[in-house]
Amino acid sequence: MAKASMLGRQVVIFISMYTGYTFYVLNRKAFSFAMPVLLREGLTKSELGLIASSQTTAYAISKFVGGVLSDKIPSNVFFSMGLLLSGICVITFTGYSAVGLFAFLWFLNGIAQGAGWPACAKLLARWYSPSRFGTYWGILSTSMNVAGSVGPVAATYIIVNYDWRASFHILGISSCLIAVISLFAIKNSPSEMGLEEFVTENHLKNKGDSPSVAASSTWRDLIRSPFLWLLSLIILIIFGIRTGANDWGQLYLIQEKGQSQYIGSAYMSSLEVGGIIGSIIAGYIADKFIEKKLPGSTTNPRMPVMLVFVMLVSVSLHLTVFHVTPQSSVLWINSLGFSLGFGLYGPVALYGVVAVESVPFHLSGTSHAIVGLGANVGGVLAGLPLSYIAKYFDWSGAFFVMEVLCLATILLMIATRNMSTIMVPEKTKAE
């Protein structure tokens, strides 16, 4: 009976998180869906850029702050309030036409966005066994791909048949309703429902720490962990490559490889499909490795899985740079897009899992925030800095740089394969 009750509650919570986070992403992308219409209504490209940048800046800040706050605020409240505020910003956006107010409201939307994933990370750690943690994390991360693929089609249909304000109203009101439902549907831990906890096994026994040691650790102990900064550097590079491939891949194929816009679009779609499958499979395989983890081991079995996926990224980049020509078939190009997305999204899905499960539960949000900051830096570097490399060395040079960085990451991961992934220093244990 207890097992059935646990399963039923897990299903309800997962569906709530998946639906809620899908709407988080739709709210984040709503402005980009409406950009063509707003441009026709009189906004300039620089004004559109200002509004978009206001959210990007706010989101970069709020993702870090949100990770820290998630260690202090109940997850269901944090998740629901963030989605509610985001929905209100989307609705309010339709009531104005001044660029300054647009930018301010979209900045607030970016602030609200920072509550979403940190709350999900805490809930996943609470509600799912360590041997299934990566699988559920990978599946939940596909909500971003779903929003990215379904959102533009749905938004375009509403905008064409009604207007952009109608699409914002529908999205904002739906988000507010889902936020209220999530507040009551999501419970912070199994113990709230009288069920057995997973978190003790996940964050204490697996690391060999006693509860007193784990509870006494602070963010100061965390930032002294070499593995924290290693993981941050790895994801900085991988996330930078992912952002570069997403932002510039289509342009690279069209401008330098002589491919059509249709093939470029198909390549990007293949990359997203590969990303969905890669996220799920990476989580599943890593969970199988976790099941076979030896007692007392101080390394994380998910890291070798990440290494294999990064190797696939390196091969895919090399083939894209040196073995795609104007005569290349659509099947070959799409296969490269699929393999690149498969290889990139696997590590992107796993880094958060490793960051959360390598620390005591009360520091998991902070750990995820710090490592996520590395991902944000990588995303920024894949923008203007990478475009400058392309300006002087063409896109082939920019993609070759990404390949070299990927190879360097592989060597780094091999060299540090025996490093302890426990982010609580020995000094704390001695104390």
Protein backbone atom coordinates (compact mmCIF):
# COMPACT_ATOMS: atom_id res chain seq x y z
CA MET A 1 0.00 0.00 0.00
CA ALA A 2 2.78 2.42 0.93
CA LYS A 3 4.61 1.57 -2.31
CA ALA A 4 1.51 2.30 -4.38
CA SER A 5 0.96 5.54 -2.49
CA MET A 6 4.58 6.59 -3.14
CA LEU A 7 4.30 5.81 -6.85
CA GLY A 8 1.04 7.70 -7.19
CA ARG A 9 2.46 10.76 -5.47
CA GLN A 10 5.64 10.60 -7.57
CA VAL A 11 3.57 10.58 -10.77
CA VAL A 12 1.48 13.57 -9.65
CA ILE A 13 4.56 15.57 -8.65
CA PHE A 14 6.47 14.75 -11.82
CA ILE A 15 3.54 15.70 -14.08
CA SER A 16 3.16 18.95 -12.12
CA MET A 17 6.85 19.78 -12.50
CA TYR A 18 6.94 18.82 -16.20
CA THR A 19 3.86 20.86 -17.06
CA GLY A 20 4.90 23.78 -14.89
CA TYR A 21 8.43 23.97 -16.22
CA THR A 22 7.20 23.71 -19.81
CA PHE A 23 5.20 26.88 -19.13
CA TYR A 24 8.22 28.48 -17.49
CA VAL A 25 10.08 28.01 -20.78
CA LEU A 26 7.12 29.15 -22.89
CA ASN A 27 6.93 32.35 -20.82
CA ARG A 28 10.67 32.84 -21.29
CA LYS A 29 10.35 32.49 -25.09
CA ALA A 30 7.02 34.29 -25.55
CA PHE A 31 8.63 37.55 -26.63
CA SER A 32 10.79 35.89 -29.28
CA PHE A 33 7.65 34.25 -30.74
CA ALA A 34 6.04 37.69 -31.10
CA MET A 35 9.12 39.55 -32.41
CA PRO A 36 8.15 39.57 -36.14
CA VAL A 37 4.75 41.14 -35.36
CA LEU A 38 6.20 43.68 -32.92
CA LEU A 39 8.74 44.66 -35.56
CA ARG A 40 5.90 45.35 -37.99
CA GLU A 41 4.09 47.37 -35.31
CA GLY A 42 6.97 49.84 -35.14
CA LEU A 43 9.56 48.55 -32.69
CA THR A 44 13.11 48.77 -34.00
CA LYS A 45 15.64 45.95 -33.95
CA SER A 46 17.63 47.73 -31.25
CA GLU A 47 14.49 48.07 -29.11
CA LEU A 48 13.73 44.38 -29.56
CA GLY A 49 17.31 43.65 -28.56
CA LEU A 50 16.99 45.81 -25.45
CA ILE A 51 13.86 43.97 -24.31
CA ALA A 52 15.35 40.54 -25.00
CA SER A 53 18.63 41.44 -23.29
CA SER A 54 16.80 42.68 -20.19
CA GLN A 55 15.40 39.20 -19.64
CA THR A 56 18.66 37.44 -20.47
CA THR A 57 20.52 39.56 -17.91
CA ALA A 58 17.89 39.05 -15.24
CA TYR A 59 17.75 35.30 -15.85
CA ALA A 60 21.51 34.92 -15.57
CA ILE A 61 21.35 36.61 -12.16
CA SER A 62 18.20 34.87 -10.93
CA LYS A 63 19.40 31.36 -11.83
CA PHE A 64 22.31 31.80 -9.45
CA VAL A 65 20.33 33.54 -6.72
CA GLY A 66 17.46 31.07 -7.18
CA GLY A 67 19.78 28.15 -6.55
CA VAL A 68 20.88 29.64 -3.24
CA LEU A 69 17.31 30.57 -2.23
CA SER A 70 16.06 27.08 -3.04
CA ASP A 71 18.01 25.88 0.02
CA LYS A 72 15.95 28.26 2.19
CA ILE A 73 12.41 28.32 0.69
CA PRO A 74 9.99 25.36 0.46
CA SER A 75 10.23 23.97 -3.08
CA ASN A 76 6.51 23.94 -3.86
CA VAL A 77 6.17 27.58 -2.80
CA PHE A 78 9.30 28.64 -4.70
CA PHE A 79 8.27 26.81 -7.90
CA SER A 80 4.67 28.03 -7.85
CA MET A 81 5.39 31.64 -6.92
CA GLY A 82 8.00 31.93 -9.65
CA LEU A 83 5.58 30.62 -12.27
CA LEU A 84 2.79 32.85 -10.95
CA LEU A 85 4.98 35.98 -11.14
CA SER A 86 6.15 35.01 -14.62
CA GLY A 87 2.55 34.55 -15.79
CA ILE A 88 1.53 37.93 -14.32
CA CYS A 89 4.43 39.61 -16.14
CA VAL A 90 3.35 38.04 -19.44
CA ILE A 91 -0.25 39.22 -18.97
CA THR A 92 0.76 42.72 -17.85
CA PHE A 93 3.10 43.04 -20.84
CA THR A 94 0.07 43.29 -23.15
CA GLY A 95 -1.27 46.42 -21.41
CA TYR A 96 1.55 48.74 -22.47
CA SER A 97 3.33 49.95 -25.58
CA ALA A 98 6.30 51.87 -24.14
CA VAL A 99 9.66 50.19 -24.75
CA GLY A 100 10.90 51.07 -21.25
CA LEU A 101 7.95 49.32 -19.61
CA PHE A 102 8.33 46.36 -21.96
CA ALA A 103 11.97 46.01 -20.90
CA PHE A 104 11.11 46.39 -17.19
CA LEU A 105 8.37 43.74 -17.29
CA TRP A 106 10.56 41.34 -19.24
CA PHE A 107 13.35 41.91 -16.72
CA LEU A 108 10.89 40.92 -13.95
CA ASN A 109 9.95 37.86 -15.99
CA GLY A 110 13.62 36.93 -16.12
CA ILE A 111 13.88 37.31 -12.34
CA ALA A 112 10.87 35.01 -11.85
CA GLN A 113 12.38 32.40 -14.18
CA GLY A 114 15.21 31.72 -11.73
CA ALA A 115 12.87 29.89 -9.35
CA GLY A 116 11.91 27.10 -11.75
CA TRP A 117 14.76 24.66 -12.20
CA PRO A 118 16.38 25.01 -8.73
CA ALA A 119 13.04 24.03 -7.16
CA CYS A 120 12.76 21.08 -9.55
CA ALA A 121 16.27 19.93 -8.63
CA LYS A 122 15.40 19.88 -4.93
CA LEU A 123 12.14 18.02 -5.54
CA LEU A 124 13.79 15.40 -7.74
CA ALA A 125 16.39 14.75 -5.04
CA ARG A 126 13.67 14.42 -2.41
CA TRP A 127 11.18 12.27 -4.27
CA TYR A 128 13.19 9.86 -6.42
CA SER A 129 15.67 7.13 -5.57
CA PRO A 130 19.37 7.77 -6.37
CA SER A 131 19.21 4.83 -8.77
CA ARG A 132 16.49 6.63 -10.79
CA PHE A 133 17.50 10.24 -10.14
CA GLY A 134 19.37 10.77 -13.41
CA THR A 135 16.62 9.20 -15.52
CA TYR A 136 13.91 11.45 -14.08
CA TRP A 137 16.21 14.48 -14.34
CA GLY A 138 16.87 13.72 -18.02
CA ILE A 139 13.18 13.25 -18.79
CA LEU A 140 12.24 16.46 -16.97
CA SER A 141 14.88 18.40 -18.91
CA THR A 142 13.12 17.46 -22.18
CA SER A 143 10.34 19.87 -21.17
CA MET A 144 12.65 22.58 -22.54
CA ASN A 145 12.82 20.82 -25.92
CA VAL A 146 9.04 20.33 -25.96
CA ALA A 147 8.44 24.03 -25.26
CA GLY A 148 11.01 24.98 -27.89
CA SER A 149 9.37 22.85 -30.57
CA VAL A 150 5.65 23.20 -29.78
CA GLY A 151 5.72 26.82 -28.60
CA PRO A 152 6.52 28.54 -31.91
CA VAL A 153 3.80 26.60 -33.77
CA ALA A 154 1.09 27.28 -31.16
CA ALA A 155 2.09 30.94 -30.76
CA THR A 156 2.15 31.52 -34.52
CA TYR A 157 -1.32 30.01 -34.93
CA ILE A 158 -2.80 32.28 -32.24
CA ILE A 159 -0.95 35.37 -33.48
CA VAL A 160 -2.04 34.81 -37.11
CA ASN A 161 -5.69 34.15 -36.23
CA TYR A 162 -5.99 36.70 -33.41
CA ASP A 163 -2.98 38.82 -32.35
CA TRP A 164 0.14 38.63 -30.20
CA ARG A 165 -1.68 39.99 -27.16
CA ALA A 166 -4.11 37.06 -27.29
CA SER A 167 -1.22 34.61 -27.28
CA PHE A 168 0.28 36.36 -24.24
CA HIS A 169 -3.07 36.36 -22.42
CA ILE A 170 -3.63 32.65 -23.00
CA LEU A 171 -0.10 31.80 -21.95
CA GLY A 172 -0.08 34.05 -18.89
CA ILE A 173 -3.48 32.96 -17.57
CA SER A 174 -2.60 29.27 -18.12
CA SER A 175 0.66 29.78 -16.22
CA CYS A 176 -1.15 31.35 -13.26
CA LEU A 177 -3.64 28.50 -13.11
CA ILE A 178 -0.90 25.87 -13.28
CA ALA A 179 1.04 27.73 -10.58
CA VAL A 180 -1.92 27.53 -8.19
CA ILE A 181 -2.48 23.83 -8.96
CA SER A 182 1.24 23.10 -8.49
CA LEU A 183 1.26 24.76 -5.08
CA PHE A 184 -1.20 22.17 -3.79
CA ALA A 185 -0.21 19.19 -5.97
CA ILE A 186 3.51 19.32 -5.13
CA LYS A 187 4.67 18.22 -1.70
CA ASN A 188 8.18 19.07 -0.56
CA SER A 189 9.16 15.61 0.67
CA PRO A 190 7.78 12.09 1.16
CA SER A 191 7.79 12.64 4.92
CA GLU A 192 5.04 15.25 4.50
CA MET A 193 2.85 12.40 3.27
CA GLY A 194 4.04 9.92 5.88
CA LEU A 195 6.27 8.12 3.36
CA GLU A 196 9.92 7.01 3.50
CA GLU A 197 12.60 9.55 2.57
CA PHE A 198 15.19 9.03 -0.18
CA VAL A 199 17.36 12.02 0.69
CA THR A 200 19.26 10.40 3.58
CA GLU A 201 20.54 7.65 1.34
CA ASN A 202 21.24 10.07 -1.48
CA HIS A 203 23.17 12.73 0.41
CA LEU A 204 24.67 11.01 3.44
CA LYS A 205 25.22 7.29 3.08
CA ASN A 206 26.47 7.44 -0.50
CA LYS A 207 29.21 9.86 0.52
CA GLY A 208 30.21 8.06 3.69
CA ASP A 209 29.52 11.14 5.83
CA SER A 210 27.76 11.07 9.16
CA PRO A 211 24.65 13.24 9.49
CA SER A 212 26.45 15.59 11.90
CA VAL A 213 29.29 16.17 9.45
CA ALA A 214 26.94 16.75 6.54
CA ALA A 215 24.75 19.13 8.52
CA SER A 216 27.74 21.17 9.75
CA SER A 217 29.10 21.86 6.27
CA THR A 218 28.54 25.33 4.82
CA TRP A 219 28.95 27.13 1.51
CA ARG A 220 32.52 27.96 2.59
CA ASP A 221 33.33 24.25 2.63
CA LEU A 222 31.64 23.90 -0.73
CA ILE A 223 33.65 26.56 -2.55
CA ARG A 224 36.89 24.96 -1.35
CA SER A 225 36.03 21.78 -3.24
CA PRO A 226 38.31 21.23 -6.28
CA PHE A 227 35.64 19.05 -7.88
CA LEU A 228 33.11 21.90 -7.77
CA TRP A 229 35.36 24.05 -9.94
CA LEU A 230 36.32 21.16 -12.20
CA LEU A 231 32.66 20.41 -12.87
CA SER A 232 31.98 24.13 -13.43
CA LEU A 233 34.79 24.34 -15.99
CA ILE A 234 33.63 21.22 -17.82
CA ILE A 235 30.06 22.43 -18.13
CA LEU A 236 31.25 25.94 -19.10
CA ILE A 237 32.90 24.42 -22.17
CA ILE A 238 30.14 21.93 -22.99
CA PHE A 239 27.33 24.45 -22.54
CA GLY A 240 29.29 26.95 -24.61
CA ILE A 241 29.58 24.40 -27.42
CA ARG A 242 25.88 23.60 -27.15
CA THR A 243 24.95 27.27 -27.33
CA GLY A 244 27.34 27.81 -30.24
CA ALA A 245 25.88 24.87 -32.16
CA ASN A 246 22.31 26.04 -31.49
CA ASP A 247 22.92 29.69 -32.33
CA TRP A 248 25.33 29.41 -35.23
CA GLY A 249 24.98 25.89 -36.67
CA GLN A 250 22.36 26.74 -39.27
CA LEU A 251 24.22 29.88 -40.37
CA TYR A 252 27.48 27.88 -40.66
CA LEU A 253 25.91 25.29 -42.95
CA ILE A 254 24.28 27.92 -45.18
CA GLN A 255 27.13 30.42 -45.46
CA GLU A 256 30.19 28.17 -45.58
CA LYS A 257 28.98 24.69 -46.47
CA GLY A 258 26.71 25.74 -49.33
CA GLN A 259 23.56 24.18 -47.90
CA SER A 260 20.02 25.50 -48.26
CA GLN A 261 17.99 27.10 -45.50
CA TYR A 262 15.76 24.02 -45.53
CA ILE A 263 18.71 21.72 -44.82
CA GLY A 264 19.99 24.11 -42.16
CA SER A 265 16.59 24.05 -40.43
CA ALA A 266 16.44 20.25 -40.70
CA TYR A 267 19.89 20.05 -39.10
CA MET A 268 18.72 22.13 -36.14
CA SER A 269 15.60 20.00 -35.73
CA SER A 270 17.76 16.87 -35.77
CA LEU A 271 19.97 18.41 -33.10
CA GLU A 272 16.92 18.97 -30.86
CA VAL A 273 15.61 15.44 -31.41
CA GLY A 274 19.05 14.05 -30.61
CA GLY A 275 19.09 16.22 -27.51
CA ILE A 276 15.80 14.81 -26.21
CA ILE A 277 16.93 11.21 -26.68
CA GLY A 278 20.45 11.92 -25.40
CA SER A 279 19.14 13.51 -22.19
CA ILE A 280 17.00 10.50 -21.36
CA ILE A 281 19.54 7.84 -22.30
CA ALA A 282 22.39 9.59 -20.47
CA GLY A 283 20.31 9.71 -17.30
CA TYR A 284 19.26 6.06 -17.64
CA ILE A 285 22.77 4.73 -18.27
CA ALA A 286 24.24 6.83 -15.46
CA ASP A 287 21.62 5.48 -13.07
CA LYS A 288 22.67 1.93 -13.96
CA PHE A 289 26.25 2.85 -13.10
CA ILE A 290 25.07 4.31 -9.78
CA GLU A 291 23.40 1.00 -8.91
CA LYS A 292 26.77 -0.73 -9.26
CA LYS A 293 28.73 1.85 -7.28
CA LEU A 294 31.10 0.21 -4.81
CA PRO A 295 30.60 1.01 -1.11
CA GLY A 296 33.08 3.63 0.10
CA SER A 297 33.87 4.89 -3.41
CA THR A 298 34.61 8.61 -3.54
CA THR A 299 34.11 9.03 -7.30
CA ASN A 300 30.83 9.55 -9.11
CA PRO A 301 29.96 6.85 -11.70
CA ARG A 302 28.13 9.44 -13.77
CA MET A 303 31.38 11.14 -14.76
CA PRO A 304 32.59 8.32 -17.10
CA VAL A 305 29.18 8.47 -18.82
CA MET A 306 29.65 12.20 -19.35
CA LEU A 307 33.13 11.50 -20.77
CA VAL A 308 31.77 9.11 -23.42
CA PHE A 309 29.15 11.67 -24.48
CA VAL A 310 31.79 14.41 -24.72
CA MET A 311 33.85 12.10 -26.94
CA LEU A 312 30.84 11.78 -29.24
CA VAL A 313 30.60 15.59 -29.37
CA SER A 314 34.25 15.79 -30.45
CA VAL A 315 33.74 13.26 -33.25
CA SER A 316 30.55 14.99 -34.43
CA LEU A 317 32.23 18.41 -34.53
CA HIS A 318 35.21 17.01 -36.44
CA LEU A 319 32.98 15.40 -39.06
CA THR A 320 30.91 18.57 -39.37
CA VAL A 321 33.96 20.77 -39.93
CA PHE A 322 35.96 18.51 -42.25
CA HIS A 323 33.48 16.14 -43.88
CA VAL A 324 30.50 18.29 -44.90
CA THR A 325 30.50 19.75 -48.40
CA PRO A 326 27.89 21.35 -50.69
CA GLN A 327 27.36 17.85 -52.13
CA SER A 328 26.71 16.17 -48.76
CA SER A 329 23.36 14.38 -48.48
CA VAL A 330 20.53 15.53 -46.25
CA LEU A 331 20.71 12.22 -44.39
CA TRP A 332 24.41 12.69 -43.59
CA ILE A 333 23.94 16.26 -42.36
CA ASN A 334 20.90 15.35 -40.26
CA SER A 335 22.78 12.38 -38.80
CA LEU A 336 25.56 14.73 -37.70
CA GLY A 337 23.01 17.09 -36.16
CA PHE A 338 21.39 14.21 -34.29
CA SER A 339 24.70 12.84 -32.99
CA LEU A 340 25.89 16.30 -31.92
CA GLY A 341 22.65 16.99 -30.05
CA PHE A 342 22.73 13.51 -28.51
CA GLY A 343 26.28 14.05 -27.27
CA LEU A 344 25.76 17.62 -26.03
CA TYR A 345 22.51 17.28 -24.14
CA GLY A 346 23.63 14.17 -22.26
CA PRO A 347 26.33 15.99 -20.22
CA VAL A 348 24.09 19.06 -19.89
CA ALA A 349 21.46 16.86 -18.26
CA LEU A 350 23.97 15.06 -16.03
CA TYR A 351 25.99 17.97 -14.66
CA GLY A 352 23.10 19.16 -12.54
CA VAL A 353 22.54 15.67 -11.17
CA VAL A 354 26.20 15.39 -10.16
CA ALA A 355 26.18 18.87 -8.60
CA VAL A 356 23.11 18.07 -6.50
CA GLU A 357 24.01 14.57 -5.32
CA SER A 358 27.66 15.33 -4.47
CA VAL A 359 26.77 17.58 -1.54
CA PRO A 360 24.61 17.41 1.60
CA PHE A 361 20.99 18.17 0.79
CA HIS A 362 20.98 21.58 2.50
CA LEU A 363 23.72 22.75 0.07
CA SER A 364 22.39 21.12 -3.11
CA GLY A 365 20.74 24.29 -4.41
CA THR A 366 23.88 26.34 -3.84
CA SER A 367 26.06 23.72 -5.51
CA HIS A 368 23.76 23.63 -8.53
CA ALA A 369 23.74 27.43 -8.68
CA ILE A 370 27.55 27.71 -8.74
CA VAL A 371 27.97 25.03 -11.40
CA GLY A 372 25.07 26.55 -13.35
CA LEU A 373 26.90 29.88 -13.30
CA GLY A 374 29.68 28.17 -15.24
CA ALA A 375 27.10 27.11 -17.83
CA ASN A 376 25.85 30.70 -18.09
CA VAL A 377 29.39 31.97 -18.69
CA GLY A 378 29.81 29.36 -21.43
CA GLY A 379 26.60 30.53 -23.05
CA VAL A 380 27.81 34.14 -23.04
CA LEU A 381 31.18 33.17 -24.54
CA ALA A 382 29.36 31.37 -27.36
CA GLY A 383 27.75 34.65 -28.39
CA LEU A 384 29.79 37.73 -29.20
CA PRO A 385 33.27 36.22 -28.50
CA LEU A 386 32.63 33.26 -30.81
CA SER A 387 31.22 35.56 -33.48
CA TYR A 388 34.48 37.56 -33.36
CA ILE A 389 36.45 34.37 -34.03
CA ALA A 390 34.14 33.70 -36.98
CA LYS A 391 34.67 37.26 -38.21
CA TYR A 392 38.43 36.74 -38.59
CA PHE A 393 38.64 32.97 -39.19
CA ASP A 394 35.18 32.16 -40.66
CA TRP A 395 32.68 29.81 -39.05
CA SER A 396 34.90 26.85 -39.84
CA GLY A 397 37.52 28.40 -37.58
CA ALA A 398 34.95 28.99 -34.82
CA PHE A 399 33.71 25.40 -34.97
CA PHE A 400 37.29 24.13 -35.05
CA VAL A 401 37.96 26.10 -31.85
CA MET A 402 34.95 24.35 -30.28
CA GLU A 403 36.40 21.00 -31.36
CA VAL A 404 39.77 21.82 -29.78
CA LEU A 405 38.08 22.88 -26.54
CA CYS A 406 36.12 19.64 -26.57
CA LEU A 407 39.34 17.62 -26.95
CA ALA A 408 40.91 19.57 -24.09
CA THR A 409 37.87 18.76 -21.94
CA ILE A 410 38.26 15.05 -22.73
CA LEU A 411 41.91 15.12 -21.66
CA LEU A 412 41.00 17.02 -18.49
CA MET A 413 38.29 14.52 -17.59
CA ILE A 414 40.64 11.58 -18.16
CA ALA A 415 43.40 13.21 -16.10
CA THR A 416 41.03 13.85 -13.17
CA ARG A 417 39.05 10.61 -13.41
CA ASN A 418 40.14 9.51 -9.91
CA MET A 419 39.41 12.86 -8.22
CA SER A 420 37.02 12.64 -5.29
CA THR A 421 33.61 14.00 -6.19
CA ILE A 422 32.70 14.58 -2.55
CA MET A 423 32.28 18.32 -2.13
CA VAL A 424 32.73 18.31 1.66
CA PRO A 425 36.43 18.67 2.59
CA GLU A 426 38.13 16.18 4.90
CA LYS A 427 38.75 19.05 7.29
CA THR A 428 35.05 19.20 8.04
CA LYS A 429 34.99 15.52 8.93
CA ALA A 430 37.89 15.93 11.32
CA GLU A 431 36.09 18.72 13.08
